[in-house]
Structures are given as C-alpha cells and as structure tokens.
Amino acid sequence: MIEWLAANWVNIIILAVVGGLIALAVIVLVKDKKAGKSSCGCNCANCAMAGKCHSAAKTKK
C-alpha cells in the first residue's frame, strides 16, 4: 500500500485539488441559490426563458 502511495502521490494531490475546487464551486452555487441570485449572470432581457426562470422569485415578493 505504501509503495502504491509513493508511486501515485502526484496524482493523489492533483485529484484532491480538483475535488476541492469542484466542492468550492458547488458551495458557491448553493449559497447563491439560497440568496436568490441568478446562476447564469446574464441579462434576462435577452433570455428566451426569462419568464420561467424567475417566476418563483417574483411570486414570493
């Protein structure tokens, strides 16, 4: 087992960093969703789904 770890430690570190970045992205998306922020970051005036995307937020206010 230790030989395998010694042979693959670079891959393990890279996978840990990538996994951490993915987890951070998910956390940010969840926080933004709870805060009512849009995840697209675009102008809704040009979006074909503008009426569907934010209809729940409009009815809560």
PDB file of N, CA and C in Angstrom:
ATOM      1  N   MET A   1       0.826  -1.192   0.000  1.00  0.00           N
ATOM      2  CA  MET A   1       0.000   0.000   0.000  1.00  0.00           C
ATOM      3  C   MET A   1       0.868   1.253   0.000  1.00  0.00           C
ATOM      4  N   ILE A   2       1.914   1.263   0.800  1.00  0.00           N
ATOM      5  CA  ILE A   2       2.788   2.428   0.860  1.00  0.00           C
ATOM      6  C   ILE A   2       3.532   2.604  -0.457  1.00  0.00           C
ATOM      7  N   GLU A   3       3.867   1.518  -1.111  1.00  0.00           N
ATOM      8  CA  GLU A   3       4.527   1.609  -2.412  1.00  0.00           C
ATOM      9  C   GLU A   3       3.609   2.262  -3.441  1.00  0.00           C
ATOM     10  N   TRP A   4       2.339   1.873  -3.402  1.00  0.00           N
ATOM     11  CA  TRP A   4       1.366   2.459  -4.327  1.00  0.00           C
ATOM     12  C   TRP A   4       1.215   3.948  -4.062  1.00  0.00           C
ATOM     13  N   LEU A   5       1.123   4.347  -2.796  1.00  0.00           N
ATOM     14  CA  LEU A   5       1.022   5.761  -2.452  1.00  0.00           C
ATOM     15  C   LEU A   5       2.264   6.530  -2.903  1.00  0.00           C
ATOM     16  N   ALA A   6       3.424   5.948  -2.708  1.00  0.00           N
ATOM     17  CA  ALA A   6       4.660   6.603  -3.114  1.00  0.00           C
ATOM     18  C   ALA A   6       4.725   6.765  -4.633  1.00  0.00           C
ATOM     19  N   ALA A   7       4.196   5.809  -5.366  1.00  0.00           N
ATOM     20  CA  ALA A   7       4.237   5.864  -6.819  1.00  0.00           C
ATOM     21  C   ALA A   7       3.181   6.813  -7.395  1.00  0.00           C
ATOM     22  N   ASN A   8       2.116   7.083  -6.637  1.00  0.00           N
ATOM     23  CA  ASN A   8       0.996   7.866  -7.163  1.00  0.00           C
ATOM     24  C   ASN A   8       0.699   9.131  -6.364  1.00  0.00           C
ATOM     25  N   TRP A   9       1.640   9.632  -5.586  1.00  0.00           N
ATOM     26  CA  TRP A   9       1.346  10.771  -4.722  1.00  0.00           C
ATOM     27  C   TRP A   9       1.010  12.024  -5.515  1.00  0.00           C
ATOM     28  N   VAL A  10       1.599  12.217  -6.690  1.00  0.00           N
ATOM     29  CA  VAL A  10       1.294  13.394  -7.505  1.00  0.00           C
ATOM     30  C   VAL A  10      -0.157  13.332  -7.981  1.00  0.00           C
ATOM     31  N   ASN A  11      -0.578  12.180  -8.448  1.00  0.00           N
ATOM     32  CA  ASN A  11      -1.961  12.023  -8.902  1.00  0.00           C
ATOM     33  C   ASN A  11      -2.946  12.244  -7.764  1.00  0.00           C
ATOM     34  N   ILE A  12      -2.618  11.769  -6.593  1.00  0.00           N
ATOM     35  CA  ILE A  12      -3.495  11.927  -5.437  1.00  0.00           C
ATOM     36  C   ILE A  12      -3.643  13.402  -5.077  1.00  0.00           C
ATOM     37  N   ILE A  13      -2.547  14.149  -5.113  1.00  0.00           N
ATOM     38  CA  ILE A  13      -2.605  15.578  -4.798  1.00  0.00           C
ATOM     39  C   ILE A  13      -3.425  16.331  -5.843  1.00  0.00           C
ATOM     40  N   ILE A  14      -3.208  16.005  -7.117  1.00  0.00           N
ATOM     41  CA  ILE A  14      -3.967  16.665  -8.185  1.00  0.00           C
ATOM     42  C   ILE A  14      -5.455  16.367  -8.050  1.00  0.00           C
ATOM     43  N   LEU A  15      -5.810  15.130  -7.777  1.00  0.00           N
ATOM     44  CA  LEU A  15      -7.219  14.779  -7.600  1.00  0.00           C
ATOM     45  C   LEU A  15      -7.822  15.481  -6.385  1.00  0.00           C
ATOM     46  N   ALA A  16      -7.057  15.627  -5.320  1.00  0.00           N
ATOM     47  CA  ALA A  16      -7.548  16.325  -4.132  1.00  0.00           C
ATOM     48  C   ALA A  16      -7.798  17.804  -4.433  1.00  0.00           C
ATOM     49  N   VAL A  17      -6.906  18.429  -5.188  1.00  0.00           N
ATOM     50  CA  VAL A  17      -7.083  19.842  -5.547  1.00  0.00           C
ATOM     51  C   VAL A  17      -8.293  20.018  -6.455  1.00  0.00           C
ATOM     52  N   VAL A  18      -8.425  19.176  -7.461  1.00  0.00           N
ATOM     53  CA  VAL A  18      -9.568  19.268  -8.369  1.00  0.00           C
ATOM     54  C   VAL A  18     -10.868  19.003  -7.615  1.00  0.00           C
ATOM     55  N   GLY A  19     -10.879  18.021  -6.737  1.00  0.00           N
ATOM     56  CA  GLY A  19     -12.062  17.742  -5.935  1.00  0.00           C
ATOM     57  C   GLY A  19     -12.416  18.908  -5.028  1.00  0.00           C
ATOM     58  N   GLY A  20     -11.411  19.557  -4.456  1.00  0.00           N
ATOM     59  CA  GLY A  20     -11.650  20.724  -3.623  1.00  0.00           C
ATOM     60  C   GLY A  20     -12.232  21.885  -4.410  1.00  0.00           C
ATOM     61  N   LEU A  21     -11.748  22.092  -5.627  1.00  0.00           N
ATOM     62  CA  LEU A  21     -12.290  23.154  -6.472  1.00  0.00           C
ATOM     63  C   LEU A  21     -13.740  22.878  -6.877  1.00  0.00           C
ATOM     64  N   ILE A  22     -14.032  21.636  -7.171  1.00  0.00           N
ATOM     65  CA  ILE A  22     -15.410  21.268  -7.508  1.00  0.00           C
ATOM     66  C   ILE A  22     -16.319  21.482  -6.304  1.00  0.00           C
ATOM     67  N   ALA A  23     -15.866  21.077  -5.122  1.00  0.00           N
ATOM     68  CA  ALA A  23     -16.655  21.280  -3.910  1.00  0.00           C
ATOM     69  C   ALA A  23     -16.879  22.761  -3.649  1.00  0.00           C
ATOM     70  N   LEU A  24     -15.861  23.584  -3.851  1.00  0.00           N
ATOM     71  CA  LEU A  24     -15.993  25.025  -3.664  1.00  0.00           C
ATOM     72  C   LEU A  24     -17.004  25.612  -4.638  1.00  0.00           C
ATOM     73  N   ALA A  25     -16.976  25.168  -5.878  1.00  0.00           N
ATOM     74  CA  ALA A  25     -17.931  25.656  -6.873  1.00  0.00           C
ATOM     75  C   ALA A  25     -19.357  25.289  -6.492  1.00  0.00           C
ATOM     76  N   VAL A  26     -19.555  24.081  -6.004  1.00  0.00           N
ATOM     77  CA  VAL A  26     -20.897  23.653  -5.587  1.00  0.00           C
ATOM     78  C   VAL A  26     -21.362  24.476  -4.395  1.00  0.00           C
ATOM     79  N   ILE A  27     -20.485  24.729  -3.446  1.00  0.00           N
ATOM     80  CA  ILE A  27     -20.844  25.529  -2.270  1.00  0.00           C
ATOM     81  C   ILE A  27     -21.256  26.939  -2.684  1.00  0.00           C
ATOM     82  N   VAL A  28     -20.505  27.542  -3.603  1.00  0.00           N
ATOM     83  CA  VAL A  28     -20.836  28.891  -4.068  1.00  0.00           C
ATOM     84  C   VAL A  28     -22.180  28.896  -4.786  1.00  0.00           C
ATOM     85  N   LEU A  29     -22.435  27.892  -5.613  1.00  0.00           N
ATOM     86  CA  LEU A  29     -23.715  27.816  -6.317  1.00  0.00           C
ATOM     87  C   LEU A  29     -24.885  27.654  -5.349  1.00  0.00           C
ATOM     88  N   VAL A  30     -24.705  26.846  -4.314  1.00  0.00           N
ATOM     89  CA  VAL A  30     -25.775  26.641  -3.328  1.00  0.00           C
ATOM     90  C   VAL A  30     -26.027  27.931  -2.554  1.00  0.00           C
ATOM     91  N   LYS A  31     -24.965  28.622  -2.147  1.00  0.00           N
ATOM     92  CA  LYS A  31     -25.121  29.889  -1.429  1.00  0.00           C
ATOM     93  C   LYS A  31     -25.839  30.924  -2.296  1.00  0.00           C
ATOM     94  N   ASP A  32     -25.452  31.014  -3.567  1.00  0.00           N
ATOM     95  CA  ASP A  32     -26.092  31.965  -4.466  1.00  0.00           C
ATOM     96  C   ASP A  32     -27.561  31.615  -4.678  1.00  0.00           C
ATOM     97  N   LYS A  33     -27.862  30.340  -4.779  1.00  0.00           N
ATOM     98  CA  LYS A  33     -29.255  29.909  -4.974  1.00  0.00           C
ATOM     99  C   LYS A  33     -30.091  30.269  -3.750  1.00  0.00           C
ATOM    100  N   LYS A  34     -29.550  30.059  -2.555  1.00  0.00           N
ATOM    101  CA  LYS A  34     -30.271  30.401  -1.329  1.00  0.00           C
ATOM    102  C   LYS A  34     -30.458  31.904  -1.187  1.00  0.00           C
ATOM    103  N   ALA A  35     -29.502  32.688  -1.714  1.00  0.00           N
ATOM    104  CA  ALA A  35     -29.587  34.143  -1.640  1.00  0.00           C
ATOM    105  C   ALA A  35     -30.476  34.719  -2.744  1.00  0.00           C
ATOM    106  N   GLY A  36     -30.947  33.871  -3.641  1.00  0.00           N
ATOM    107  CA  GLY A  36     -31.831  34.317  -4.711  1.00  0.00           C
ATOM    108  C   GLY A  36     -31.105  34.899  -5.903  1.00  0.00           C
ATOM    109  N   LYS A  37     -29.812  34.695  -5.983  1.00  0.00           N
ATOM    110  CA  LYS A  37     -29.045  35.204  -7.114  1.00  0.00           C
ATOM    111  C   LYS A  37     -29.173  34.250  -8.290  1.00  0.00           C
ATOM    112  N   SER A  38     -29.071  34.813  -9.480  1.00  0.00           N
ATOM    113  CA  SER A  38     -29.127  34.007 -10.688  1.00  0.00           C
ATOM    114  C   SER A  38     -27.777  33.338 -10.916  1.00  0.00           C
ATOM    115  N   SER A  39     -27.788  32.129 -11.400  1.00  0.00           N
ATOM    116  CA  SER A  39     -26.536  31.418 -11.644  1.00  0.00           C
ATOM    117  C   SER A  39     -25.963  31.695 -13.026  1.00  0.00           C
ATOM    118  N   CYS A  40     -26.768  32.284 -13.916  1.00  0.00           N
ATOM    119  CA  CYS A  40     -26.274  32.485 -15.277  1.00  0.00           C
ATOM    120  C   CYS A  40     -25.437  33.755 -15.388  1.00  0.00           C
ATOM    121  N   GLY A  41     -25.765  34.795 -14.662  1.00  0.00           N
ATOM    122  CA  GLY A  41     -25.009  36.025 -14.711  1.00  0.00           C
ATOM    123  C   GLY A  41     -25.233  36.825 -15.977  1.00  0.00           C
ATOM    124  N   CYS A  42     -26.265  36.498 -16.724  1.00  0.00           N
ATOM    125  CA  CYS A  42     -26.542  37.172 -17.987  1.00  0.00           C
ATOM    126  C   CYS A  42     -27.698  38.150 -17.824  1.00  0.00           C
ATOM    127  N   ASN A  43     -27.962  38.869 -18.875  1.00  0.00           N
ATOM    128  CA  ASN A  43     -29.081  39.791 -18.902  1.00  0.00           C
ATOM    129  C   ASN A  43     -30.342  39.014 -19.242  1.00  0.00           C
ATOM    130  N   CYS A  44     -31.328  39.059 -18.389  1.00  0.00           N
ATOM    131  CA  CYS A  44     -32.556  38.288 -18.600  1.00  0.00           C
ATOM    132  C   CYS A  44     -33.400  38.840 -19.741  1.00  0.00           C
ATOM    133  N   ALA A  45     -33.174  40.070 -20.149  1.00  0.00           N
ATOM    134  CA  ALA A  45     -33.950  40.650 -21.240  1.00  0.00           C
ATOM    135  C   ALA A  45     -33.720  39.902 -22.548  1.00  0.00           C
ATOM    136  N   ASN A  46     -32.565  39.305 -22.719  1.00  0.00           N
ATOM    137  CA  ASN A  46     -32.250  38.594 -23.952  1.00  0.00           C
ATOM    138  C   ASN A  46     -32.451  37.093 -23.839  1.00  0.00           C
ATOM    139  N   CYS A  47     -32.983  36.631 -22.736  1.00  0.00           N
ATOM    140  CA  CYS A  47     -33.134  35.202 -22.499  1.00  0.00           C
ATOM    141  C   CYS A  47     -34.533  34.741 -22.884  1.00  0.00           C
ATOM    142  N   ALA A  48     -34.622  33.650 -23.616  1.00  0.00           N
ATOM    143  CA  ALA A  48     -35.914  33.118 -24.019  1.00  0.00           C
ATOM    144  C   ALA A  48     -36.684  32.531 -22.846  1.00  0.00           C
ATOM    145  N   MET A  49     -35.983  32.135 -21.784  1.00  0.00           N
ATOM    146  CA  MET A  49     -36.622  31.522 -20.623  1.00  0.00           C
ATOM    147  C   MET A  49     -36.763  32.494 -19.442  1.00  0.00           C
ATOM    148  N   ALA A  50     -36.679  33.789 -19.676  1.00  0.00           N
ATOM    149  CA  ALA A  50     -36.695  34.774 -18.592  1.00  0.00           C
ATOM    150  C   ALA A  50     -37.974  34.690 -17.766  1.00  0.00           C
ATOM    151  N   GLY A  51     -39.098  34.441 -18.400  1.00  0.00           N
ATOM    152  CA  GLY A  51     -40.362  34.355 -17.673  1.00  0.00           C
ATOM    153  C   GLY A  51     -40.478  33.106 -16.823  1.00  0.00           C
ATOM    154  N   LYS A  52     -39.841  32.039 -17.224  1.00  0.00           N
ATOM    155  CA  LYS A  52     -39.897  30.776 -16.489  1.00  0.00           C
ATOM    156  C   LYS A  52     -38.857  30.709 -15.385  1.00  0.00           C
ATOM    157  N   CYS A  53     -37.693  31.271 -15.632  1.00  0.00           N
ATOM    158  CA  CYS A  53     -36.568  31.151 -14.723  1.00  0.00           C
ATOM    159  C   CYS A  53     -36.827  31.868 -13.405  1.00  0.00           C
ATOM    160  N   HIS A  54     -37.380  33.059 -13.463  1.00  0.00           N
ATOM    161  CA  HIS A  54     -37.528  33.879 -12.262  1.00  0.00           C
ATOM    162  C   HIS A  54     -38.982  34.032 -11.821  1.00  0.00           C
ATOM    163  N   SER A  55     -39.872  33.203 -12.312  1.00  0.00           N
ATOM    164  CA  SER A  55     -41.285  33.352 -11.957  1.00  0.00           C
ATOM    165  C   SER A  55     -41.534  33.041 -10.494  1.00  0.00           C
ATOM    166  N   ALA A  56     -40.802  32.081  -9.909  1.00  0.00           N
ATOM    167  CA  ALA A  56     -40.989  31.743  -8.493  1.00  0.00           C
ATOM    168  C   ALA A  56     -40.491  32.869  -7.603  1.00  0.00           C
ATOM    169  N   ALA A  57     -39.423  33.531  -7.977  1.00  0.00           N
ATOM    170  CA  ALA A  57     -38.890  34.630  -7.178  1.00  0.00           C
ATOM    171  C   ALA A  57     -39.824  35.824  -7.211  1.00  0.00           C
ATOM    172  N   LYS A  58     -40.486  36.053  -8.331  1.00  0.00           N
ATOM    173  CA  LYS A  58     -41.412  37.190  -8.448  1.00  0.00           C
ATOM    174  C   LYS A  58     -42.664  36.974  -7.612  1.00  0.00           C
ATOM    175  N   THR A  59     -43.135  35.743  -7.523  1.00  0.00           N
ATOM    176  CA  THR A  59     -44.361  35.485  -6.761  1.00  0.00           C
ATOM    177  C   THR A  59     -44.129  35.510  -5.255  1.00  0.00           C
ATOM    178  N   LYS A  60     -42.902  35.305  -4.793  1.00  0.00           N
ATOM    179  CA  LYS A  60     -42.611  35.321  -3.365  1.00  0.00           C
ATOM    180  C   LYS A  60     -42.587  36.734  -2.808  1.00  0.00           C
ATOM    181  N   LYS A  61     -42.280  37.719  -3.631  1.00  0.00           N
ATOM    182  CA  LYS A  61     -42.124  39.094  -3.156  1.00  0.00           C
ATOM    183  C   LYS A  61     -43.419  39.770  -2.919  1.00  0.00           C
TER     184      LYS A  61
END
